[in-house]
């Protein structure tokens, strides 16, 4: 798993977007933009290339659950796999350690980020 770290910011935020549950492409795009205050904007090409790689690597899976009423049949839903959840946890731990190091070095003041 460590060989997949560090994750790109885009992949990290895609996985993070799926952590609470299932999501579809456009919803992921909106969620990532909202969560990053617009600093990460995923275009459709970037998103769907990343989703294809994440599926191939077994980090996400296509959901076969029930769709919301009146949903577009072409829309695909994705969810984290067990491996994807573990990788997201490992990356989050890695980032938390980096933030701790930055605080101890005086780069990041307490109460920030």
C-alpha atoms as a PDB file:
ATOM      1  CA  UNK A   1       0.000   0.000   0.000  1.00  0.00           C
ATOM      2  CA  UNK A   2       2.870   2.372   0.799  1.00  0.00           C
ATOM      3  CA  UNK A   3       3.981   2.194  -2.828  1.00  0.00           C
ATOM      4  CA  UNK A   4       0.807   4.041  -3.841  1.00  0.00           C
ATOM      5  CA  UNK A   5       1.645   6.969  -1.531  1.00  0.00           C
ATOM      6  CA  UNK A   6       1.673   9.880  -1.775  1.00  0.00           C
ATOM      7  CA  UNK A   7      -1.595  10.305  -3.614  1.00  0.00           C
ATOM      8  CA  UNK A   8      -2.058  13.216  -5.963  1.00  0.00           C
ATOM      9  CA  UNK A   9      -4.317  15.909  -4.479  1.00  0.00           C
ATOM     10  CA  UNK A  10      -6.947  15.088  -7.103  1.00  0.00           C
ATOM     11  CA  UNK A  11      -7.020  11.372  -6.272  1.00  0.00           C
ATOM     12  CA  UNK A  12      -6.981  12.077  -2.524  1.00  0.00           C
ATOM     13  CA  UNK A  13     -10.019  14.330  -2.852  1.00  0.00           C
ATOM     14  CA  UNK A  14     -11.867  11.893  -5.134  1.00  0.00           C
ATOM     15  CA  UNK A  15     -11.404   9.135  -2.551  1.00  0.00           C
ATOM     16  CA  UNK A  16     -12.326  11.530   0.254  1.00  0.00           C
ATOM     17  CA  UNK A  17     -15.493  12.491  -1.609  1.00  0.00           C
ATOM     18  CA  UNK A  18     -16.510   8.820  -1.679  1.00  0.00           C
ATOM     19  CA  UNK A  19     -15.694   8.174   2.001  1.00  0.00           C
ATOM     20  CA  UNK A  20     -19.212   8.946   3.300  1.00  0.00           C
ATOM     21  CA  UNK A  21     -20.883   6.762   0.663  1.00  0.00           C
ATOM     22  CA  UNK A  22     -21.661   6.393  -3.011  1.00  0.00           C
ATOM     23  CA  UNK A  23     -21.176   9.177  -5.511  1.00  0.00           C
ATOM     24  CA  UNK A  24     -21.457   9.825  -9.216  1.00  0.00           C
ATOM     25  CA  UNK A  25     -19.076  11.722 -11.476  1.00  0.00           C
ATOM     26  CA  UNK A  26     -20.689  15.160 -11.495  1.00  0.00           C
ATOM     27  CA  UNK A  27     -21.395  14.920  -7.764  1.00  0.00           C
ATOM     28  CA  UNK A  28     -17.727  14.129  -7.123  1.00  0.00           C
ATOM     29  CA  UNK A  29     -16.662  17.132  -9.227  1.00  0.00           C
ATOM     30  CA  UNK A  30     -18.922  19.428  -7.190  1.00  0.00           C
ATOM     31  CA  UNK A  31     -17.926  17.880  -3.858  1.00  0.00           C
ATOM     32  CA  UNK A  32     -14.190  18.253  -4.521  1.00  0.00           C
ATOM     33  CA  UNK A  33     -14.592  21.850  -5.652  1.00  0.00           C
ATOM     34  CA  UNK A  34     -16.680  22.666  -2.571  1.00  0.00           C
ATOM     35  CA  UNK A  35     -14.347  20.844  -0.145  1.00  0.00           C
ATOM     36  CA  UNK A  36     -11.258  22.623  -1.510  1.00  0.00           C
ATOM     37  CA  UNK A  37     -12.886  26.059  -1.784  1.00  0.00           C
ATOM     38  CA  UNK A  38     -12.353  25.865  -5.530  1.00  0.00           C
ATOM     39  CA  UNK A  39      -8.601  25.238  -5.369  1.00  0.00           C
ATOM     40  CA  UNK A  40      -9.078  21.855  -7.053  1.00  0.00           C
ATOM     41  CA  UNK A  41     -11.375  21.785 -10.047  1.00  0.00           C
ATOM     42  CA  UNK A  42     -11.727  18.472 -11.790  1.00  0.00           C
ATOM     43  CA  UNK A  43     -12.599  18.473 -15.448  1.00  0.00           C
ATOM     44  CA  UNK A  44     -14.502  15.497 -16.830  1.00  0.00           C
ATOM     45  CA  UNK A  45     -11.392  14.102 -18.563  1.00  0.00           C
ATOM     46  CA  UNK A  46      -9.324  14.256 -15.376  1.00  0.00           C
ATOM     47  CA  UNK A  47     -12.094  12.776 -13.263  1.00  0.00           C
ATOM     48  CA  UNK A  48     -12.999   9.888 -15.541  1.00  0.00           C
ATOM     49  CA  UNK A  49      -9.343   9.004 -16.200  1.00  0.00           C
ATOM     50  CA  UNK A  50      -8.772   8.898 -12.444  1.00  0.00           C
ATOM     51  CA  UNK A  51     -11.928   6.843 -11.851  1.00  0.00           C
ATOM     52  CA  UNK A  52     -10.822   4.367 -14.534  1.00  0.00           C
ATOM     53  CA  UNK A  53      -7.410   3.952 -12.826  1.00  0.00           C
ATOM     54  CA  UNK A  54      -8.981   3.689  -9.372  1.00  0.00           C
ATOM     55  CA  UNK A  55     -11.355   0.983 -10.633  1.00  0.00           C
ATOM     56  CA  UNK A  56      -8.483  -0.920 -12.278  1.00  0.00           C
ATOM     57  CA  UNK A  57      -6.437  -0.694  -9.063  1.00  0.00           C
ATOM     58  CA  UNK A  58      -9.357  -1.986  -6.989  1.00  0.00           C
ATOM     59  CA  UNK A  59      -9.561   1.178  -4.891  1.00  0.00           C
ATOM     60  CA  UNK A  60     -13.134   1.961  -5.873  1.00  0.00           C
ATOM     61  CA  UNK A  61     -15.936  -0.137  -7.269  1.00  0.00           C
ATOM     62  CA  UNK A  62     -18.990   0.612  -9.277  1.00  0.00           C
ATOM     63  CA  UNK A  63     -22.080   0.496  -7.126  1.00  0.00           C
ATOM     64  CA  UNK A  64     -24.937  -1.722  -8.152  1.00  0.00           C
ATOM     65  CA  UNK A  65     -27.252  -0.430  -5.413  1.00  0.00           C
ATOM     66  CA  UNK A  66     -30.596   1.234  -5.898  1.00  0.00           C
ATOM     67  CA  UNK A  67     -30.621   4.508  -7.756  1.00  0.00           C
ATOM     68  CA  UNK A  68     -32.513   7.571  -6.627  1.00  0.00           C
ATOM     69  CA  UNK A  69     -35.928   8.049  -8.230  1.00  0.00           C
ATOM     70  CA  UNK A  70     -35.849   9.871 -11.575  1.00  0.00           C
ATOM     71  CA  UNK A  71     -32.086   9.358 -11.864  1.00  0.00           C
ATOM     72  CA  UNK A  72     -30.449   9.260 -15.295  1.00  0.00           C
ATOM     73  CA  UNK A  73     -29.904   5.597 -16.194  1.00  0.00           C
ATOM     74  CA  UNK A  74     -26.545   6.451 -17.778  1.00  0.00           C
ATOM     75  CA  UNK A  75     -25.181   7.778 -14.490  1.00  0.00           C
ATOM     76  CA  UNK A  76     -22.667   5.488 -12.798  1.00  0.00           C
ATOM     77  CA  UNK A  77     -22.210   5.431  -9.037  1.00  0.00           C
ATOM     78  CA  UNK A  78     -18.951   4.594  -7.298  1.00  0.00           C
ATOM     79  CA  UNK A  79     -17.944   3.681  -3.752  1.00  0.00           C
ATOM     80  CA  UNK A  80     -14.689   3.042  -1.933  1.00  0.00           C
ATOM     81  CA  UNK A  81     -13.499  -0.533  -1.775  1.00  0.00           C
ATOM     82  CA  UNK A  82     -11.921  -1.874   1.401  1.00  0.00           C
ATOM     83  CA  UNK A  83      -8.477  -1.311  -0.155  1.00  0.00           C
ATOM     84  CA  UNK A  84      -9.454   2.235  -1.146  1.00  0.00           C
ATOM     85  CA  UNK A  85     -10.604   3.017   2.398  1.00  0.00           C
ATOM     86  CA  UNK A  86      -7.308   1.671   3.806  1.00  0.00           C
ATOM     87  CA  UNK A  87      -5.280   3.705   1.315  1.00  0.00           C
ATOM     88  CA  UNK A  88      -7.274   6.856   2.097  1.00  0.00           C
ATOM     89  CA  UNK A  89      -6.628   6.270   5.801  1.00  0.00           C
ATOM     90  CA  UNK A  90      -2.893   5.796   5.198  1.00  0.00           C
ATOM     91  CA  UNK A  91      -2.690   8.992   3.146  1.00  0.00           C
ATOM     92  CA  UNK A  92      -4.682  10.939   5.745  1.00  0.00           C
ATOM     93  CA  UNK A  93      -2.293   9.718   8.454  1.00  0.00           C
ATOM     94  CA  UNK A  94       0.690  10.727   6.304  1.00  0.00           C
ATOM     95  CA  UNK A  95      -0.748  14.210   5.785  1.00  0.00           C
ATOM     96  CA  UNK A  96      -1.603  14.601   9.489  1.00  0.00           C
ATOM     97  CA  UNK A  97       2.016  13.788  10.376  1.00  0.00           C
ATOM     98  CA  UNK A  98       3.193  16.416   7.875  1.00  0.00           C
ATOM     99  CA  UNK A  99       0.897  19.008   9.456  1.00  0.00           C
ATOM    100  CA  UNK A 100       2.252  18.062  12.899  1.00  0.00           C
ATOM    101  CA  UNK A 101       5.813  18.508  11.643  1.00  0.00           C
ATOM    102  CA  UNK A 102       4.901  21.902  10.162  1.00  0.00           C
ATOM    103  CA  UNK A 103       3.410  23.002  13.503  1.00  0.00           C
ATOM    104  CA  UNK A 104       6.483  21.884  15.447  1.00  0.00           C
ATOM    105  CA  UNK A 105       8.692  23.760  12.978  1.00  0.00           C
ATOM    106  CA  UNK A 106       6.642  26.906  13.539  1.00  0.00           C
ATOM    107  CA  UNK A 107       5.460  27.016   9.935  1.00  0.00           C
ATOM    108  CA  UNK A 108       1.836  26.415  10.868  1.00  0.00           C
ATOM    109  CA  UNK A 109       0.546  28.121  13.991  1.00  0.00           C
ATOM    110  CA  UNK A 110      -1.789  26.279  16.406  1.00  0.00           C
ATOM    111  CA  UNK A 111      -5.416  26.709  15.420  1.00  0.00           C
ATOM    112  CA  UNK A 112      -4.568  26.969  11.713  1.00  0.00           C
ATOM    113  CA  UNK A 113      -5.559  24.118   9.380  1.00  0.00           C
END
